[in-house]
Amino acid sequence: MFMQIAIGAIGIGIVLMVGYLVIAQVKAALPTTGVDNTTLDGLESTQATVFAGFGLIAVGIIVLAAFGLINVFQ
């Protein structure tokens, strides 16, 4: 069971890292000239929301790993 949790955590971690890279590339590709402040504020808000979601996924990985370790040592 611990190996299944570990493999799942690795998969979620890979998705997390790809998500960070995609968000960084999208933000870098958007033009900053000729864009009103509303668009930039919306992008910052969306980025903060997505990063918060990734943080929750990271906490989930930690909880899964802890659960796996508890089951191993029971």
Protein backbone atom coordinates (compact mmCIF):
# COMPACT_ATOMS: atom_id res chain seq x y z
CA MET A 1 0.00 0.00 0.00
CA PHE A 2 2.84 2.39 0.78
CA MET A 3 4.24 2.02 -2.75
CA GLN A 4 0.87 2.99 -4.24
CA ILE A 5 0.78 6.11 -2.07
CA ALA A 6 4.38 6.95 -2.95
CA ILE A 7 3.74 6.55 -6.68
CA GLY A 8 0.63 8.71 -6.39
CA ALA A 9 2.58 11.38 -4.51
CA ILE A 10 5.29 11.37 -7.19
CA GLY A 11 2.62 11.75 -9.90
CA ILE A 12 0.97 14.63 -8.07
CA GLY A 13 4.38 16.25 -7.56
CA ILE A 14 5.11 16.06 -11.28
CA VAL A 15 1.74 17.66 -12.06
CA LEU A 16 2.54 20.37 -9.51
CA MET A 17 5.89 21.21 -11.12
CA VAL A 18 4.45 21.21 -14.66
CA GLY A 19 1.70 23.53 -13.46
CA TYR A 20 4.21 25.99 -12.04
CA LEU A 21 6.13 25.95 -15.33
CA VAL A 22 3.00 26.46 -17.43
CA ILE A 23 1.82 29.39 -15.32
CA ALA A 24 5.25 31.03 -15.50
CA GLN A 25 5.39 30.62 -19.28
CA VAL A 26 1.88 31.99 -19.80
CA LYS A 27 2.63 35.02 -17.64
CA ALA A 28 5.90 35.67 -19.48
CA ALA A 29 4.22 35.33 -22.89
CA LEU A 30 1.48 37.87 -22.22
CA PRO A 31 2.25 41.36 -23.42
CA THR A 32 2.60 44.02 -20.73
CA THR A 33 2.32 47.02 -23.05
CA GLY A 34 -1.07 48.17 -24.20
CA VAL A 35 -2.88 46.09 -21.58
CA ASP A 36 -5.06 47.85 -19.05
CA ASN A 37 -4.64 47.36 -15.32
CA THR A 38 -7.82 45.27 -15.11
CA THR A 39 -6.26 42.52 -17.23
CA LEU A 40 -3.04 42.54 -15.21
CA ASP A 41 -4.95 42.51 -11.91
CA GLY A 42 -7.07 39.61 -13.15
CA LEU A 43 -3.94 37.68 -14.12
CA GLU A 44 -2.37 38.26 -10.71
CA SER A 45 -5.57 37.16 -8.97
CA THR A 46 -5.84 34.03 -11.09
CA GLN A 47 -2.19 33.20 -10.52
CA ALA A 48 -2.60 33.58 -6.74
CA THR A 49 -5.65 31.28 -6.79
CA VAL A 50 -3.85 28.62 -8.83
CA PHE A 51 -0.79 28.80 -6.58
CA ALA A 52 -3.04 28.35 -3.54
CA GLY A 53 -4.52 25.25 -5.17
CA PHE A 54 -1.03 23.90 -5.80
CA GLY A 55 -0.21 24.56 -2.14
CA LEU A 56 -3.20 22.46 -1.12
CA ILE A 57 -2.00 19.67 -3.40
CA ALA A 58 1.44 19.87 -1.75
CA VAL A 59 -0.18 19.54 1.68
CA GLY A 60 -2.11 16.54 0.37
CA ILE A 61 1.16 14.91 -0.69
CA ILE A 62 2.58 15.40 2.79
CA VAL A 63 -0.57 13.92 4.38
CA LEU A 64 -0.48 10.92 2.03
CA ALA A 65 3.18 10.29 2.84
CA ALA A 66 2.50 10.54 6.56
CA PHE A 67 -0.46 8.16 6.25
CA GLY A 68 1.72 5.68 4.36
CA LEU A 69 4.46 5.83 6.99
CA ILE A 70 1.94 5.32 9.80
CA ASN A 71 0.58 2.23 8.02
CA VAL A 72 4.08 0.84 7.49
CA PHE A 73 4.96 1.06 11.18
CA GLN A 74 1.67 -0.21 12.60
